[in-house]
Amino acid sequence: MEVTCFHCRKVNVLPGKVGFREECIHCRSDLHVCKSCDFYDVKSYNECREPSAEVVREKERANYCDFFIARQGGGGPDDEKARLKAAADALFKK
């Protein structure tokens, strides 16, 4: 399985699913984090599209969410900037 690190944006190849304590081989950031999950969405309640998931306050730290699905692709810094701008526009729409 390939997982893109939310921090350094480099791909990590894992033999199976992402474990709770998996770290990026490039920058040592946690991989089982909200920001690397397919359900992560800043526009959703608690920044998660999974309605049954418990609230996780630290989105960049490892957590024990059972709903975690590794995001494919990951996007680059330009995608992150566009996503944040869209979230701000939606929040302050006229």
N, C-alpha and C. Protein backbone atom coordinates (compact mmCIF):
# COMPACT_ATOMS: atom_id res chain seq x y z
N MET A 1 0.84 -1.17 0.00
CA MET A 1 0.00 0.00 0.00
C MET A 1 0.89 1.24 0.00
N GLU A 2 0.51 2.23 -0.78
CA GLU A 2 1.25 3.49 -0.82
C GLU A 2 0.50 4.54 -0.01
N VAL A 3 1.24 5.25 0.83
CA VAL A 3 0.67 6.31 1.66
C VAL A 3 1.53 7.55 1.47
N THR A 4 0.89 8.68 1.17
CA THR A 4 1.61 9.94 1.03
C THR A 4 1.61 10.65 2.37
N CYS A 5 2.77 11.03 2.84
CA CYS A 5 2.92 11.74 4.11
C CYS A 5 2.31 13.14 3.99
N PHE A 6 1.48 13.52 4.95
CA PHE A 6 0.86 14.85 4.93
C PHE A 6 1.91 15.94 5.13
N HIS A 7 3.01 15.63 5.80
CA HIS A 7 4.01 16.63 6.17
C HIS A 7 5.01 16.90 5.05
N CYS A 8 5.65 15.87 4.54
CA CYS A 8 6.70 16.05 3.52
C CYS A 8 6.22 15.73 2.11
N ARG A 9 5.02 15.18 1.99
CA ARG A 9 4.40 14.84 0.70
C ARG A 9 5.14 13.76 -0.08
N LYS A 10 5.94 12.95 0.62
CA LYS A 10 6.65 11.86 -0.04
C LYS A 10 5.89 10.56 0.18
N VAL A 11 6.02 9.66 -0.77
CA VAL A 11 5.30 8.39 -0.74
C VAL A 11 6.04 7.37 0.12
N ASN A 12 5.27 6.65 0.92
CA ASN A 12 5.77 5.55 1.75
C ASN A 12 5.07 4.28 1.27
N VAL A 13 5.84 3.23 1.06
CA VAL A 13 5.27 1.95 0.64
C VAL A 13 5.25 1.03 1.85
N LEU A 14 4.06 0.56 2.19
CA LEU A 14 3.88 -0.32 3.35
C LEU A 14 3.39 -1.69 2.88
N PRO A 15 3.76 -2.76 3.58
CA PRO A 15 3.36 -4.10 3.15
C PRO A 15 1.86 -4.38 3.35
N GLY A 16 1.24 -3.72 4.28
CA GLY A 16 -0.18 -3.96 4.56
C GLY A 16 -0.87 -2.64 4.85
N LYS A 17 -1.88 -2.69 5.70
CA LYS A 17 -2.56 -1.45 6.06
C LYS A 17 -1.70 -0.61 7.00
N VAL A 18 -2.04 0.67 7.13
CA VAL A 18 -1.27 1.60 7.95
C VAL A 18 -1.53 1.31 9.42
N GLY A 19 -0.47 0.99 10.15
CA GLY A 19 -0.59 0.72 11.58
C GLY A 19 -0.70 2.00 12.38
N PHE A 20 -1.15 1.89 13.61
CA PHE A 20 -1.34 3.07 14.47
C PHE A 20 -0.04 3.80 14.75
N ARG A 21 1.07 3.10 14.73
CA ARG A 21 2.36 3.71 15.07
C ARG A 21 3.30 3.87 13.86
N GLU A 22 2.78 3.74 12.66
CA GLU A 22 3.61 3.88 11.46
C GLU A 22 4.15 5.30 11.34
N GLU A 23 5.40 5.42 10.91
CA GLU A 23 6.04 6.72 10.70
C GLU A 23 6.54 6.83 9.27
N CYS A 24 6.62 8.04 8.78
CA CYS A 24 7.16 8.33 7.46
C CYS A 24 8.66 7.98 7.47
N ILE A 25 9.10 7.26 6.46
CA ILE A 25 10.51 6.89 6.40
C ILE A 25 11.39 8.07 6.02
N HIS A 26 10.80 9.15 5.54
CA HIS A 26 11.56 10.31 5.10
C HIS A 26 11.69 11.38 6.20
N CYS A 27 10.59 11.68 6.90
CA CYS A 27 10.62 12.77 7.88
C CYS A 27 10.22 12.34 9.29
N ARG A 28 9.87 11.06 9.47
CA ARG A 28 9.52 10.50 10.78
C ARG A 28 8.20 11.04 11.35
N SER A 29 7.37 11.68 10.53
CA SER A 29 6.04 12.11 10.98
C SER A 29 5.13 10.90 11.05
N ASP A 30 4.12 10.96 11.91
CA ASP A 30 3.15 9.88 12.01
C ASP A 30 2.36 9.77 10.70
N LEU A 31 2.00 8.56 10.32
CA LEU A 31 1.22 8.35 9.10
C LEU A 31 -0.26 8.09 9.38
N HIS A 32 -0.58 7.48 10.53
CA HIS A 32 -1.98 7.19 10.88
C HIS A 32 -2.57 8.43 11.54
N VAL A 33 -2.74 9.48 10.75
CA VAL A 33 -3.25 10.76 11.25
C VAL A 33 -4.44 11.20 10.41
N CYS A 34 -5.25 12.10 10.96
CA CYS A 34 -6.43 12.59 10.25
C CYS A 34 -6.07 13.20 8.90
N LYS A 35 -5.01 13.96 8.84
CA LYS A 35 -4.65 14.64 7.60
C LYS A 35 -4.21 13.69 6.49
N SER A 36 -3.97 12.43 6.82
CA SER A 36 -3.62 11.43 5.80
C SER A 36 -4.79 10.50 5.51
N CYS A 37 -5.94 10.80 6.07
CA CYS A 37 -7.12 9.95 5.92
C CYS A 37 -8.03 10.45 4.80
N ASP A 38 -8.67 9.52 4.12
CA ASP A 38 -9.59 9.86 3.04
C ASP A 38 -10.83 10.58 3.55
N PHE A 39 -11.20 10.40 4.81
CA PHE A 39 -12.37 11.07 5.39
C PHE A 39 -12.08 12.50 5.85
N TYR A 40 -10.82 12.90 5.90
CA TYR A 40 -10.46 14.24 6.37
C TYR A 40 -10.98 15.29 5.41
N ASP A 41 -11.71 16.27 5.95
CA ASP A 41 -12.29 17.35 5.14
C ASP A 41 -12.51 18.55 6.06
N VAL A 42 -11.81 19.65 5.80
CA VAL A 42 -11.91 20.82 6.68
C VAL A 42 -13.30 21.43 6.67
N LYS A 43 -14.10 21.15 5.67
CA LYS A 43 -15.45 21.72 5.59
C LYS A 43 -16.49 20.91 6.36
N SER A 44 -16.13 19.73 6.81
CA SER A 44 -17.06 18.87 7.52
C SER A 44 -17.00 19.12 9.03
N TYR A 45 -18.06 18.72 9.72
CA TYR A 45 -18.11 18.81 11.17
C TYR A 45 -16.96 17.99 11.75
N ASN A 46 -16.20 18.56 12.65
CA ASN A 46 -15.01 17.94 13.25
C ASN A 46 -13.95 17.59 12.21
N GLU A 47 -14.04 18.18 11.03
CA GLU A 47 -13.10 17.97 9.93
C GLU A 47 -13.03 16.51 9.51
N CYS A 48 -14.15 15.79 9.62
CA CYS A 48 -14.22 14.38 9.26
C CYS A 48 -15.57 14.08 8.63
N ARG A 49 -15.55 13.41 7.47
CA ARG A 49 -16.79 13.05 6.79
C ARG A 49 -17.40 11.76 7.32
N GLU A 50 -16.72 11.06 8.22
CA GLU A 50 -17.26 9.84 8.82
C GLU A 50 -18.08 10.24 10.05
N PRO A 51 -19.40 10.10 10.00
CA PRO A 51 -20.25 10.57 11.11
C PRO A 51 -20.09 9.79 12.42
N SER A 52 -19.60 8.57 12.36
CA SER A 52 -19.47 7.75 13.57
C SER A 52 -18.12 7.89 14.26
N ALA A 53 -17.18 8.59 13.63
CA ALA A 53 -15.84 8.72 14.20
C ALA A 53 -15.85 9.64 15.42
N GLU A 54 -15.01 9.29 16.39
CA GLU A 54 -14.86 10.14 17.57
C GLU A 54 -14.06 11.39 17.20
N VAL A 55 -14.24 12.45 17.96
CA VAL A 55 -13.53 13.69 17.71
C VAL A 55 -12.04 13.52 18.02
N VAL A 56 -11.21 13.95 17.07
CA VAL A 56 -9.76 13.93 17.25
C VAL A 56 -9.29 15.37 17.19
N ARG A 57 -8.71 15.86 18.25
CA ARG A 57 -8.30 17.27 18.32
C ARG A 57 -7.02 17.55 17.55
N GLU A 58 -6.04 16.68 17.66
CA GLU A 58 -4.75 16.89 17.02
C GLU A 58 -4.71 16.11 15.70
N LYS A 59 -4.97 16.79 14.61
CA LYS A 59 -5.11 16.16 13.29
C LYS A 59 -3.78 15.71 12.69
N GLU A 60 -2.66 16.17 13.25
CA GLU A 60 -1.35 15.81 12.72
C GLU A 60 -0.60 14.82 13.61
N ARG A 61 -1.28 14.26 14.59
CA ARG A 61 -0.67 13.28 15.51
C ARG A 61 -1.35 11.93 15.34
N ALA A 62 -0.61 10.88 15.63
CA ALA A 62 -1.16 9.53 15.50
C ALA A 62 -2.40 9.37 16.38
N ASN A 63 -3.38 8.61 15.88
CA ASN A 63 -4.59 8.36 16.64
C ASN A 63 -5.04 6.92 16.41
N TYR A 64 -6.05 6.50 17.13
CA TYR A 64 -6.52 5.12 17.07
C TYR A 64 -7.88 5.01 16.39
N CYS A 65 -8.16 5.87 15.44
CA CYS A 65 -9.44 5.84 14.73
C CYS A 65 -9.53 4.57 13.89
N ASP A 66 -10.62 3.82 14.09
CA ASP A 66 -10.82 2.58 13.34
C ASP A 66 -11.34 2.83 11.93
N PHE A 67 -11.77 4.05 11.63
CA PHE A 67 -12.31 4.38 10.32
C PHE A 67 -11.24 4.86 9.34
N PHE A 68 -9.99 4.92 9.77
CA PHE A 68 -8.91 5.44 8.95
C PHE A 68 -8.77 4.69 7.64
N ILE A 69 -8.77 5.45 6.54
CA ILE A 69 -8.49 4.92 5.20
C ILE A 69 -7.43 5.83 4.61
N ALA A 70 -6.29 5.27 4.25
CA ALA A 70 -5.18 6.07 3.73
C ALA A 70 -5.60 6.80 2.46
N ARG A 71 -5.36 8.09 2.44
CA ARG A 71 -5.66 8.92 1.28
C ARG A 71 -4.71 8.56 0.14
N GLN A 72 -5.25 8.39 -1.03
CA GLN A 72 -4.43 8.08 -2.20
C GLN A 72 -4.10 9.37 -2.93
N GLY A 73 -2.88 9.55 -3.34
CA GLY A 73 -2.46 10.75 -4.07
C GLY A 73 -1.87 11.80 -3.18
N GLY A 74 -2.56 12.22 -2.18
CA GLY A 74 -2.03 13.16 -1.20
C GLY A 74 -2.05 14.62 -1.58
N GLY A 75 -1.90 14.96 -2.86
CA GLY A 75 -1.90 16.37 -3.25
C GLY A 75 -0.66 17.10 -2.80
N GLY A 76 -0.33 18.15 -3.48
CA GLY A 76 0.85 18.95 -3.14
C GLY A 76 0.49 20.20 -2.39
N PRO A 77 1.46 21.08 -2.13
CA PRO A 77 1.21 22.32 -1.41
C PRO A 77 0.22 23.22 -2.13
N ASP A 78 0.22 23.21 -3.47
CA ASP A 78 -0.73 24.03 -4.21
C ASP A 78 -2.16 23.56 -3.99
N ASP A 79 -2.35 22.23 -3.91
CA ASP A 79 -3.67 21.69 -3.63
C ASP A 79 -4.12 22.09 -2.23
N GLU A 80 -3.21 22.06 -1.29
CA GLU A 80 -3.51 22.45 0.10
C GLU A 80 -3.94 23.91 0.15
N LYS A 81 -3.23 24.76 -0.55
CA LYS A 81 -3.55 26.19 -0.57
C LYS A 81 -4.94 26.41 -1.18
N ALA A 82 -5.24 25.74 -2.27
CA ALA A 82 -6.53 25.86 -2.93
C ALA A 82 -7.65 25.36 -2.02
N ARG A 83 -7.39 24.26 -1.32
CA ARG A 83 -8.40 23.70 -0.42
C ARG A 83 -8.69 24.65 0.73
N LEU A 84 -7.64 25.24 1.30
CA LEU A 84 -7.82 26.18 2.40
C LEU A 84 -8.55 27.44 1.94
N LYS A 85 -8.24 27.91 0.75
CA LYS A 85 -8.92 29.09 0.21
C LYS A 85 -10.40 28.79 -0.01
N ALA A 86 -10.71 27.62 -0.54
CA ALA A 86 -12.11 27.23 -0.76
C ALA A 86 -12.86 27.13 0.57
N ALA A 87 -12.21 26.62 1.60
CA ALA A 87 -12.84 26.53 2.92
C ALA A 87 -13.11 27.91 3.49
N ALA A 88 -12.15 28.84 3.32
CA ALA A 88 -12.34 30.21 3.81
C ALA A 88 -13.44 30.91 3.03
N ASP A 89 -13.48 30.72 1.72
CA ASP A 89 -14.53 31.33 0.89
C ASP A 89 -15.91 30.82 1.31
N ALA A 90 -16.00 29.51 1.60
CA ALA A 90 -17.28 28.94 2.02
C ALA A 90 -17.70 29.49 3.39
N LEU A 91 -16.74 29.72 4.25
CA LEU A 91 -17.03 30.24 5.59
C LEU A 91 -17.50 31.69 5.54
N PHE A 92 -16.87 32.49 4.69
CA PHE A 92 -17.18 33.92 4.62
C PHE A 92 -17.93 34.31 3.37
N LYS A 93 -18.73 33.40 2.81
CA LYS A 93 -19.44 33.71 1.58
C LYS A 93 -20.44 34.85 1.80
N LYS A 94 -20.66 35.59 0.73
CA LYS A 94 -21.56 36.76 0.80
C LYS A 94 -23.00 36.38 0.59
